[in-house]
Amino acid sequence: MEIEGLFTALLFGAAIGGLGRLVIPGRQHISLLATILVGIAAALLGTAAATVLGVADTPGIDWIELALQVGLAGAGVSILTTRSKAKLHH
C-alpha cells in the first residue's frame, strides 16, 4: 500500500469512526486508535454492503453508503464501549 493510500485510510477511518461515536449517546471510553480502526473496518464493510445492494456508485454523494458506514461504525463503537464497561466492573 502506498503512503497516500495509508494516509487516506487513516483519515477516512478517523472521520467514519468519529461519526460513529457521535451517533452513540453518552461518553465512550475507547481510545483514538480503536475509533480509527473501527472506522476503517466500518468503511470497508459499508462499501462492500453498498456494492452488494447496488448503491455504491450513485450520482453525487453516496448517502446510502455513508449511512451504512456510519451505522456500522456506531455498532462497532457500541460493542467496544460495552466491553470496556464490562472490564471496568470486574
Protein backbone atom coordinates (compact mmCIF):
# COMPACT_ATOMS: atom_id res chain seq x y z
CA MET A 1 0.00 0.00 0.00
CA GLU A 2 1.33 3.42 -0.91
CA ILE A 3 1.78 6.08 1.76
CA GLU A 4 -1.01 8.19 0.25
CA GLY A 5 -3.42 5.26 0.45
CA LEU A 6 -2.47 4.59 4.06
CA PHE A 7 -2.87 8.26 4.96
CA THR A 8 -6.25 8.39 3.22
CA ALA A 9 -7.42 5.23 5.01
CA LEU A 10 -6.39 6.70 8.39
CA LEU A 11 -8.16 10.00 7.73
CA PHE A 12 -11.29 8.35 6.39
CA GLY A 13 -11.26 5.82 9.23
CA ALA A 14 -10.97 8.61 11.79
CA ALA A 15 -13.85 10.51 10.17
CA ILE A 16 -16.16 7.48 9.95
CA GLY A 17 -15.18 6.34 13.46
CA GLY A 18 -15.81 9.83 14.82
CA LEU A 19 -19.22 9.95 13.17
CA GLY A 20 -19.93 6.51 14.61
CA ARG A 21 -19.12 7.85 18.09
CA LEU A 22 -21.47 10.79 17.51
CA VAL A 23 -24.47 8.56 16.83
CA ILE A 24 -23.99 6.67 20.12
CA PRO A 25 -25.36 8.59 23.11
CA GLY A 26 -23.20 9.17 26.17
CA ARG A 27 -19.49 9.02 26.65
CA GLN A 28 -17.49 6.22 25.08
CA HIS A 29 -14.36 5.03 26.86
CA ILE A 30 -12.35 3.80 23.89
CA SER A 31 -9.08 5.08 22.50
CA LEU A 32 -8.49 7.16 19.40
CA LEU A 33 -6.72 4.19 17.83
CA ALA A 34 -9.75 1.96 18.48
CA THR A 35 -12.02 4.64 16.97
CA ILE A 36 -9.86 4.81 13.82
CA LEU A 37 -9.71 1.02 13.48
CA VAL A 38 -13.48 0.73 13.91
CA GLY A 39 -13.90 3.48 11.32
CA ILE A 40 -11.65 1.76 8.79
CA ALA A 41 -13.42 -1.58 9.26
CA ALA A 42 -16.85 0.09 9.05
CA ALA A 43 -15.83 1.95 5.88
CA LEU A 44 -14.70 -1.26 4.22
CA LEU A 45 -17.74 -3.28 5.33
CA GLY A 46 -20.14 -0.44 4.47
CA THR A 47 -18.68 -0.13 0.98
CA ALA A 48 -18.94 -3.90 0.47
CA ALA A 49 -22.58 -3.88 1.65
CA ALA A 50 -23.39 -0.92 -0.61
CA THR A 51 -21.81 -2.73 -3.56
CA VAL A 52 -23.90 -5.85 -2.87
CA LEU A 53 -27.03 -3.68 -2.63
CA GLY A 54 -26.12 -1.86 -5.86
CA VAL A 55 -25.92 1.60 -4.27
CA ALA A 56 -22.13 2.06 -4.07
CA ASP A 57 -21.88 4.19 -7.21
CA THR A 58 -24.66 6.74 -7.46
CA PRO A 59 -24.60 10.24 -8.94
CA GLY A 60 -23.33 12.78 -6.41
CA ILE A 61 -22.69 11.83 -2.81
CA ASP A 62 -23.32 8.20 -1.94
CA TRP A 63 -25.58 8.88 1.06
CA ILE A 64 -26.74 5.29 1.48
CA GLU A 65 -23.16 4.02 1.50
CA LEU A 66 -22.18 6.69 4.03
CA ALA A 67 -25.17 5.82 6.23
CA LEU A 68 -24.17 2.14 6.16
CA GLN A 69 -20.59 3.03 7.10
CA VAL A 70 -21.59 5.32 9.97
CA GLY A 71 -24.17 2.81 11.22
CA LEU A 72 -21.57 0.04 11.25
CA ALA A 73 -19.09 2.35 12.99
CA GLY A 74 -21.73 3.15 15.61
CA ALA A 75 -22.32 -0.55 16.16
CA GLY A 76 -18.59 -1.17 16.49
CA VAL A 77 -18.14 1.70 18.95
CA SER A 78 -21.11 0.45 20.94
CA ILE A 79 -19.65 -3.06 21.14
CA LEU A 80 -16.24 -1.79 22.24
CA THR A 81 -17.81 0.57 24.78
CA THR A 82 -19.86 -2.28 26.26
CA ARG A 83 -16.75 -4.45 26.51
CA SER A 84 -14.70 -1.70 28.15
CA LYS A 85 -17.51 -1.08 30.69
CA ALA A 86 -17.65 -4.80 31.47
CA LYS A 87 -13.88 -4.85 32.12
CA LEU A 88 -14.19 -1.84 34.46
CA HIS A 89 -16.81 -3.60 36.57
CA HIS A 90 -14.77 -6.77 37.12
